[in-house]
Amino acid sequence: IREGTFNRFGYQMLNDKKYELAIEIFKINTKLYPNSSNTYDSLGEAFWRLKDTIKAKENFNKALSINPENKRALRFIKNHKLD
């Protein structure tokens, strides 16, 4: 499965408010694509929607460790006061 396909499926689950399922999908995507900043960014958002700010911050920081220029992760941390 391509990274983007799996990610879109995870976001479908987020939009359907199936947060735990979305988290599991995004976790699998981080295992399949461990060097992708995007996969950790998506997992961070899923944890944030589940109101787990600690795990959200951990995953956004992981996304930034892979790609310090990840604008979405930087914006999310700033806008949601996860710094």
PDB file of N, CA and C in Angstrom:
ATOM      1  N   ILE A   1       0.846  -1.185   0.000  1.00  0.00           N
ATOM      2  CA  ILE A   1       0.000   0.000   0.000  1.00  0.00           C
ATOM      3  C   ILE A   1       0.883   1.237   0.000  1.00  0.00           C
ATOM      4  N   ARG A   2       0.514   2.199  -0.801  1.00  0.00           N
ATOM      5  CA  ARG A   2       1.266   3.442  -0.849  1.00  0.00           C
ATOM      6  C   ARG A   2       0.964   4.288   0.378  1.00  0.00           C
ATOM      7  N   GLU A   3       1.942   5.051   0.780  1.00  0.00           N
ATOM      8  CA  GLU A   3       1.813   5.893   1.976  1.00  0.00           C
ATOM      9  C   GLU A   3       0.570   6.788   1.913  1.00  0.00           C
ATOM     10  N   GLY A   4       0.395   7.479   0.800  1.00  0.00           N
ATOM     11  CA  GLY A   4      -0.728   8.403   0.663  1.00  0.00           C
ATOM     12  C   GLY A   4      -2.078   7.721   0.724  1.00  0.00           C
ATOM     13  N   THR A   5      -2.172   6.540   0.155  1.00  0.00           N
ATOM     14  CA  THR A   5      -3.429   5.785   0.180  1.00  0.00           C
ATOM     15  C   THR A   5      -3.797   5.432   1.608  1.00  0.00           C
ATOM     16  N   PHE A   6      -2.812   4.929   2.344  1.00  0.00           N
ATOM     17  CA  PHE A   6      -3.050   4.552   3.735  1.00  0.00           C
ATOM     18  C   PHE A   6      -3.394   5.790   4.561  1.00  0.00           C
ATOM     19  N   ASN A   7      -2.706   6.881   4.306  1.00  0.00           N
ATOM     20  CA  ASN A   7      -2.957   8.112   5.049  1.00  0.00           C
ATOM     21  C   ASN A   7      -4.378   8.625   4.799  1.00  0.00           C
ATOM     22  N   ARG A   8      -4.813   8.593   3.549  1.00  0.00           N
ATOM     23  CA  ARG A   8      -6.179   9.038   3.237  1.00  0.00           C
ATOM     24  C   ARG A   8      -7.210   8.181   3.960  1.00  0.00           C
ATOM     25  N   PHE A   9      -6.963   6.887   4.035  1.00  0.00           N
ATOM     26  CA  PHE A   9      -7.869   5.999   4.761  1.00  0.00           C
ATOM     27  C   PHE A   9      -7.925   6.394   6.237  1.00  0.00           C
ATOM     28  N   GLY A  10      -6.766   6.702   6.818  1.00  0.00           N
ATOM     29  CA  GLY A  10      -6.729   7.149   8.213  1.00  0.00           C
ATOM     30  C   GLY A  10      -7.531   8.422   8.415  1.00  0.00           C
ATOM     31  N   TYR A  11      -7.404   9.365   7.483  1.00  0.00           N
ATOM     32  CA  TYR A  11      -8.160  10.611   7.590  1.00  0.00           C
ATOM     33  C   TYR A  11      -9.656  10.393   7.396  1.00  0.00           C
ATOM     34  N   GLN A  12     -10.037   9.412   6.592  1.00  0.00           N
ATOM     35  CA  GLN A  12     -11.460   9.073   6.486  1.00  0.00           C
ATOM     36  C   GLN A  12     -11.987   8.639   7.849  1.00  0.00           C
ATOM     37  N   MET A  13     -11.192   7.843   8.554  1.00  0.00           N
ATOM     38  CA  MET A  13     -11.601   7.392   9.875  1.00  0.00           C
ATOM     39  C   MET A  13     -11.665   8.578  10.854  1.00  0.00           C
ATOM     40  N   LEU A  14     -10.710   9.501  10.755  1.00  0.00           N
ATOM     41  CA  LEU A  14     -10.763  10.701  11.602  1.00  0.00           C
ATOM     42  C   LEU A  14     -12.036  11.493  11.326  1.00  0.00           C
ATOM     43  N   ASN A  15     -12.350  11.684  10.056  1.00  0.00           N
ATOM     44  CA  ASN A  15     -13.553  12.440   9.700  1.00  0.00           C
ATOM     45  C   ASN A  15     -14.827  11.762  10.174  1.00  0.00           C
ATOM     46  N   ASP A  16     -14.782  10.429  10.279  1.00  0.00           N
ATOM     47  CA  ASP A  16     -15.923   9.669  10.789  1.00  0.00           C
ATOM     48  C   ASP A  16     -15.898   9.555  12.321  1.00  0.00           C
ATOM     49  N   LYS A  17     -14.941  10.255  12.947  1.00  0.00           N
ATOM     50  CA  LYS A  17     -14.764  10.264  14.407  1.00  0.00           C
ATOM     51  C   LYS A  17     -14.449   8.880  14.975  1.00  0.00           C
ATOM     52  N   LYS A  18     -13.801   8.061  14.163  1.00  0.00           N
ATOM     53  CA  LYS A  18     -13.327   6.746  14.604  1.00  0.00           C
ATOM     54  C   LYS A  18     -11.848   6.901  14.937  1.00  0.00           C
ATOM     55  N   TYR A  19     -11.597   7.639  16.018  1.00  0.00           N
ATOM     56  CA  TYR A  19     -10.245   8.074  16.350  1.00  0.00           C
ATOM     57  C   TYR A  19      -9.292   6.914  16.656  1.00  0.00           C
ATOM     58  N   GLU A  20      -9.763   5.937  17.421  1.00  0.00           N
ATOM     59  CA  GLU A  20      -8.884   4.814  17.759  1.00  0.00           C
ATOM     60  C   GLU A  20      -8.479   4.035  16.513  1.00  0.00           C
ATOM     61  N   LEU A  21      -9.421   3.843  15.598  1.00  0.00           N
ATOM     62  CA  LEU A  21      -9.117   3.136  14.353  1.00  0.00           C
ATOM     63  C   LEU A  21      -8.147   3.961  13.507  1.00  0.00           C
ATOM     64  N   ALA A  22      -8.362   5.260  13.450  1.00  0.00           N
ATOM     65  CA  ALA A  22      -7.449   6.131  12.706  1.00  0.00           C
ATOM     66  C   ALA A  22      -6.042   6.042  13.270  1.00  0.00           C
ATOM     67  N   ILE A  23      -5.932   6.040  14.593  1.00  0.00           N
ATOM     68  CA  ILE A  23      -4.616   5.935  15.232  1.00  0.00           C
ATOM     69  C   ILE A  23      -3.935   4.639  14.832  1.00  0.00           C
ATOM     70  N   GLU A  24      -4.649   3.541  14.836  1.00  0.00           N
ATOM     71  CA  GLU A  24      -4.054   2.261  14.457  1.00  0.00           C
ATOM     72  C   GLU A  24      -3.596   2.277  12.995  1.00  0.00           C
ATOM     73  N   ILE A  25      -4.389   2.883  12.132  1.00  0.00           N
ATOM     74  CA  ILE A  25      -4.011   2.976  10.715  1.00  0.00           C
ATOM     75  C   ILE A  25      -2.746   3.817  10.572  1.00  0.00           C
ATOM     76  N   PHE A  26      -2.709   4.963  11.249  1.00  0.00           N
ATOM     77  CA  PHE A  26      -1.531   5.823  11.161  1.00  0.00           C
ATOM     78  C   PHE A  26      -0.301   5.159  11.790  1.00  0.00           C
ATOM     79  N   LYS A  27      -0.497   4.397  12.852  1.00  0.00           N
ATOM     80  CA  LYS A  27       0.638   3.673  13.455  1.00  0.00           C
ATOM     81  C   LYS A  27       1.227   2.687  12.449  1.00  0.00           C
ATOM     82  N   ILE A  28       0.368   1.972  11.754  1.00  0.00           N
ATOM     83  CA  ILE A  28       0.853   1.031  10.731  1.00  0.00           C
ATOM     84  C   ILE A  28       1.620   1.790   9.657  1.00  0.00           C
ATOM     85  N   ASN A  29       1.111   2.960   9.269  1.00  0.00           N
ATOM     86  CA  ASN A  29       1.774   3.743   8.237  1.00  0.00           C
ATOM     87  C   ASN A  29       3.156   4.207   8.704  1.00  0.00           C
ATOM     88  N   THR A  30       3.302   4.523   9.997  1.00  0.00           N
ATOM     89  CA  THR A  30       4.627   4.908  10.493  1.00  0.00           C
ATOM     90  C   THR A  30       5.579   3.718  10.473  1.00  0.00           C
ATOM     91  N   LYS A  31       5.045   2.513  10.628  1.00  0.00           N
ATOM     92  CA  LYS A  31       5.896   1.317  10.549  1.00  0.00           C
ATOM     93  C   LYS A  31       6.295   1.027   9.104  1.00  0.00           C
ATOM     94  N   LEU A  32       5.358   1.230   8.191  1.00  0.00           N
ATOM     95  CA  LEU A  32       5.645   0.994   6.777  1.00  0.00           C
ATOM     96  C   LEU A  32       6.565   2.070   6.198  1.00  0.00           C
ATOM     97  N   TYR A  33       6.418   3.294   6.688  1.00  0.00           N
ATOM     98  CA  TYR A  33       7.191   4.434   6.172  1.00  0.00           C
ATOM     99  C   TYR A  33       7.817   5.209   7.336  1.00  0.00           C
ATOM    100  N   PRO A  34       8.787   4.592   8.013  1.00  0.00           N
ATOM    101  CA  PRO A  34       9.359   5.203   9.225  1.00  0.00           C
ATOM    102  C   PRO A  34      10.162   6.476   8.968  1.00  0.00           C
ATOM    103  N   ASN A  35      10.527   6.737   7.741  1.00  0.00           N
ATOM    104  CA  ASN A  35      11.289   7.946   7.426  1.00  0.00           C
ATOM    105  C   ASN A  35      10.421   9.061   6.857  1.00  0.00           C
ATOM    106  N   SER A  36       9.117   8.912   6.988  1.00  0.00           N
ATOM    107  CA  SER A  36       8.191   9.919   6.471  1.00  0.00           C
ATOM    108  C   SER A  36       7.711  10.820   7.601  1.00  0.00           C
ATOM    109  N   SER A  37       7.994  12.086   7.479  1.00  0.00           N
ATOM    110  CA  SER A  37       7.511  13.072   8.441  1.00  0.00           C
ATOM    111  C   SER A  37       5.985  13.134   8.428  1.00  0.00           C
ATOM    112  N   ASN A  38       5.415  12.963   7.252  1.00  0.00           N
ATOM    113  CA  ASN A  38       3.967  13.050   7.101  1.00  0.00           C
ATOM    114  C   ASN A  38       3.220  12.002   7.917  1.00  0.00           C
ATOM    115  N   THR A  39       3.754  10.790   8.003  1.00  0.00           N
ATOM    116  CA  THR A  39       3.034   9.744   8.732  1.00  0.00           C
ATOM    117  C   THR A  39       2.944  10.084  10.223  1.00  0.00           C
ATOM    118  N   TYR A  40       4.028  10.639  10.775  1.00  0.00           N
ATOM    119  CA  TYR A  40       4.017  11.006  12.196  1.00  0.00           C
ATOM    120  C   TYR A  40       3.165  12.240  12.443  1.00  0.00           C
ATOM    121  N   ASP A  41       3.139  13.143  11.480  1.00  0.00           N
ATOM    122  CA  ASP A  41       2.297  14.331  11.558  1.00  0.00           C
ATOM    123  C   ASP A  41       0.826  13.914  11.645  1.00  0.00           C
ATOM    124  N   SER A  42       0.436  12.975  10.809  1.00  0.00           N
ATOM    125  CA  SER A  42      -0.950  12.490  10.804  1.00  0.00           C
ATOM    126  C   SER A  42      -1.287  11.774  12.103  1.00  0.00           C
ATOM    127  N   LEU A  43      -0.357  10.969  12.595  1.00  0.00           N
ATOM    128  CA  LEU A  43      -0.577  10.271  13.863  1.00  0.00           C
ATOM    129  C   LEU A  43      -0.714  11.287  14.997  1.00  0.00           C
ATOM    130  N   GLY A  44       0.084  12.334  14.960  1.00  0.00           N
ATOM    131  CA  GLY A  44      -0.028  13.388  15.970  1.00  0.00           C
ATOM    132  C   GLY A  44      -1.402  14.026  15.963  1.00  0.00           C
ATOM    133  N   GLU A  45      -1.916  14.303  14.777  1.00  0.00           N
ATOM    134  CA  GLU A  45      -3.249  14.906  14.698  1.00  0.00           C
ATOM    135  C   GLU A  45      -4.315  13.971  15.252  1.00  0.00           C
ATOM    136  N   ALA A  46      -4.194  12.686  14.965  1.00  0.00           N
ATOM    137  CA  ALA A  46      -5.172  11.723  15.476  1.00  0.00           C
ATOM    138  C   ALA A  46      -5.151  11.685  16.999  1.00  0.00           C
ATOM    139  N   PHE A  47      -3.961  11.678  17.585  1.00  0.00           N
ATOM    140  CA  PHE A  47      -3.879  11.702  19.047  1.00  0.00           C
ATOM    141  C   PHE A  47      -4.455  13.004  19.600  1.00  0.00           C
ATOM    142  N   TRP A  48      -4.218  14.114  18.914  1.00  0.00           N
ATOM    143  CA  TRP A  48      -4.762  15.388  19.368  1.00  0.00           C
ATOM    144  C   TRP A  48      -6.286  15.351  19.372  1.00  0.00           C
ATOM    145  N   ARG A  49      -6.861  14.780  18.322  1.00  0.00           N
ATOM    146  CA  ARG A  49      -8.335  14.694  18.259  1.00  0.00           C
ATOM    147  C   ARG A  49      -8.888  13.788  19.352  1.00  0.00           C
ATOM    148  N   LEU A  50      -8.089  12.827  19.781  1.00  0.00           N
ATOM    149  CA  LEU A  50      -8.490  11.952  20.887  1.00  0.00           C
ATOM    150  C   LEU A  50      -8.212  12.622  22.231  1.00  0.00           C
ATOM    151  N   LYS A  51      -7.670  13.847  22.177  1.00  0.00           N
ATOM    152  CA  LYS A  51      -7.340  14.655  23.349  1.00  0.00           C
ATOM    153  C   LYS A  51      -6.166  14.104  24.144  1.00  0.00           C
ATOM    154  N   ASP A  52      -5.285  13.356  23.472  1.00  0.00           N
ATOM    155  CA  ASP A  52      -4.050  12.876  24.088  1.00  0.00           C
ATOM    156  C   ASP A  52      -2.922  13.801  23.625  1.00  0.00           C
ATOM    157  N   THR A  53      -2.795  14.926  24.318  1.00  0.00           N
ATOM    158  CA  THR A  53      -1.839  15.948  23.883  1.00  0.00           C
ATOM    159  C   THR A  53      -0.393  15.498  24.049  1.00  0.00           C
ATOM    160  N   ILE A  54      -0.135  14.627  24.995  1.00  0.00           N
ATOM    161  CA  ILE A  54       1.240  14.145  25.199  1.00  0.00           C
ATOM    162  C   ILE A  54       1.695  13.343  23.977  1.00  0.00           C
ATOM    163  N   LYS A  55       0.878  12.379  23.561  1.00  0.00           N
ATOM    164  CA  LYS A  55       1.250  11.572  22.396  1.00  0.00           C
ATOM    165  C   LYS A  55       1.187  12.392  21.112  1.00  0.00           C
ATOM    166  N   ALA A  56       0.280  13.356  21.058  1.00  0.00           N
ATOM    167  CA  ALA A  56       0.225  14.242  19.890  1.00  0.00           C
ATOM    168  C   ALA A  56       1.543  14.991  19.758  1.00  0.00           C
ATOM    169  N   LYS A  57       1.996  15.583  20.846  1.00  0.00           N
ATOM    170  CA  LYS A  57       3.243  16.341  20.832  1.00  0.00           C
ATOM    171  C   LYS A  57       4.428  15.446  20.472  1.00  0.00           C
ATOM    172  N   GLU A  58       4.473  14.232  21.030  1.00  0.00           N
ATOM    173  CA  GLU A  58       5.561  13.295  20.722  1.00  0.00           C
ATOM    174  C   GLU A  58       5.638  13.023  19.217  1.00  0.00           C
ATOM    175  N   ASN A  59       4.486  12.812  18.599  1.00  0.00           N
ATOM    176  CA  ASN A  59       4.475  12.486  17.175  1.00  0.00           C
ATOM    177  C   ASN A  59       4.754  13.693  16.293  1.00  0.00           C
ATOM    178  N   PHE A  60       4.288  14.858  16.684  1.00  0.00           N
ATOM    179  CA  PHE A  60       4.645  16.060  15.930  1.00  0.00           C
ATOM    180  C   PHE A  60       6.139  16.321  16.038  1.00  0.00           C
ATOM    181  N   ASN A  61       6.703  16.117  17.224  1.00  0.00           N
ATOM    182  CA  ASN A  61       8.148  16.290  17.381  1.00  0.00           C
ATOM    183  C   ASN A  61       8.932  15.270  16.560  1.00  0.00           C
ATOM    184  N   LYS A  62       8.427  14.041  16.477  1.00  0.00           N
ATOM    185  CA  LYS A  62       9.067  13.024  15.645  1.00  0.00           C
ATOM    186  C   LYS A  62       9.016  13.449  14.176  1.00  0.00           C
ATOM    187  N   ALA A  63       7.869  13.978  13.757  1.00  0.00           N
ATOM    188  CA  ALA A  63       7.737  14.470  12.381  1.00  0.00           C
ATOM    189  C   ALA A  63       8.777  15.544  12.113  1.00  0.00           C
ATOM    190  N   LEU A  64       8.974  16.437  13.088  1.00  0.00           N
ATOM    191  CA  LEU A  64       9.937  17.522  12.916  1.00  0.00           C
ATOM    192  C   LEU A  64      11.376  17.028  12.979  1.00  0.00           C
ATOM    193  N   SER A  65      11.620  15.946  13.703  1.00  0.00           N
ATOM    194  CA  SER A  65      12.981  15.399  13.740  1.00  0.00           C
ATOM    195  C   SER A  65      13.361  14.811  12.379  1.00  0.00           C
ATOM    196  N   ILE A  66      12.373  14.319  11.652  1.00  0.00           N
ATOM    197  CA  ILE A  66      12.607  13.782  10.315  1.00  0.00           C
ATOM    198  C   ILE A  66      12.703  14.923   9.302  1.00  0.00           C
ATOM    199  N   ASN A  67      11.815  15.893   9.448  1.00  0.00           N
ATOM    200  CA  ASN A  67      11.797  17.033   8.529  1.00  0.00           C
ATOM    201  C   ASN A  67      11.518  18.311   9.320  1.00  0.00           C
ATOM    202  N   PRO A  68      12.558  19.032   9.710  1.00  0.00           N
ATOM    203  CA  PRO A  68      12.376  20.259  10.490  1.00  0.00           C
ATOM    204  C   PRO A  68      11.576  21.338   9.760  1.00  0.00           C
ATOM    205  N   GLU A  69      11.378  21.166   8.459  1.00  0.00           N
ATOM    206  CA  GLU A  69      10.620  22.139   7.662  1.00  0.00           C
ATOM    207  C   GLU A  69       9.144  21.748   7.494  1.00  0.00           C
ATOM    208  N   ASN A  70       8.688  20.741   8.230  1.00  0.00           N
ATOM    209  CA  ASN A  70       7.293  20.304   8.122  1.00  0.00           C
ATOM    210  C   ASN A  70       6.389  21.417   8.650  1.00  0.00           C
ATOM    211  N   LYS A  71       5.867  22.206   7.719  1.00  0.00           N
ATOM    212  CA  LYS A  71       5.076  23.374   8.086  1.00  0.00           C
ATOM    213  C   LYS A  71       3.797  23.004   8.827  1.00  0.00           C
ATOM    214  N   ARG A  72       3.208  21.916   8.451  1.00  0.00           N
ATOM    215  CA  ARG A  72       1.960  21.500   9.106  1.00  0.00           C
ATOM    216  C   ARG A  72       2.206  21.164  10.576  1.00  0.00           C
ATOM    217  N   ALA A  73       3.256  20.424  10.850  1.00  0.00           N
ATOM    218  CA  ALA A  73       3.573  20.080  12.239  1.00  0.00           C
ATOM    219  C   ALA A  73       3.926  21.333  13.034  1.00  0.00           C
ATOM    220  N   LEU A  74       4.715  22.209  12.448  1.00  0.00           N
ATOM    221  CA  LEU A  74       5.082  23.454  13.133  1.00  0.00           C
ATOM    222  C   LEU A  74       3.843  24.290  13.439  1.00  0.00           C
ATOM    223  N   ARG A  75       2.972  24.413  12.467  1.00  0.00           N
ATOM    224  CA  ARG A  75       1.747  25.192  12.637  1.00  0.00           C
ATOM    225  C   ARG A  75       0.831  24.566  13.687  1.00  0.00           C
ATOM    226  N   PHE A  76       0.704  23.245  13.654  1.00  0.00           N
ATOM    227  CA  PHE A  76      -0.170  22.555  14.592  1.00  0.00           C
ATOM    228  C   PHE A  76       0.328  22.749  16.027  1.00  0.00           C
ATOM    229  N   ILE A  77       1.632  22.590  16.232  1.00  0.00           N
ATOM    230  CA  ILE A  77       2.211  22.767  17.572  1.00  0.00           C
ATOM    231  C   ILE A  77       1.957  24.184  18.067  1.00  0.00           C
ATOM    232  N   LYS A  78       2.177  25.159  17.199  1.00  0.00           N
ATOM    233  CA  LYS A  78       2.001  26.558  17.585  1.00  0.00           C
ATOM    234  C   LYS A  78       0.523  26.877  17.844  1.00  0.00           C
ATOM    235  N   ASN A  79      -0.357  26.502  16.924  1.00  0.00           N
ATOM    236  CA  ASN A  79      -1.777  26.846  17.036  1.00  0.00           C
ATOM    237  C   ASN A  79      -2.490  26.154  18.175  1.00  0.00           C
ATOM    238  N   HIS A  80      -1.986  24.984  18.563  1.00  0.00           N
ATOM    239  CA  HIS A  80      -2.652  24.222  19.616  1.00  0.00           C
ATOM    240  C   HIS A  80      -1.848  24.203  20.903  1.00  0.00           C
ATOM    241  N   LYS A  81      -0.853  25.076  20.960  1.00  0.00           N
ATOM    242  CA  LYS A  81      -0.048  25.267  22.166  1.00  0.00           C
ATOM    243  C   LYS A  81       0.529  23.953  22.702  1.00  0.00           C
ATOM    244  N   LEU A  82       1.158  23.194  21.797  1.00  0.00           N
ATOM    245  CA  LEU A  82       1.761  21.922  22.176  1.00  0.00           C
ATOM    246  C   LEU A  82       3.254  22.066  22.419  1.00  0.00           C
ATOM    247  N   ASP A  83       3.763  23.311  22.431  1.00  0.00           N
ATOM    248  CA  ASP A  83       5.199  23.495  22.642  1.00  0.00           C
ATOM    249  C   ASP A  83       5.551  23.626  24.110  1.00  0.00           C
TER     250      ASP A  83
END
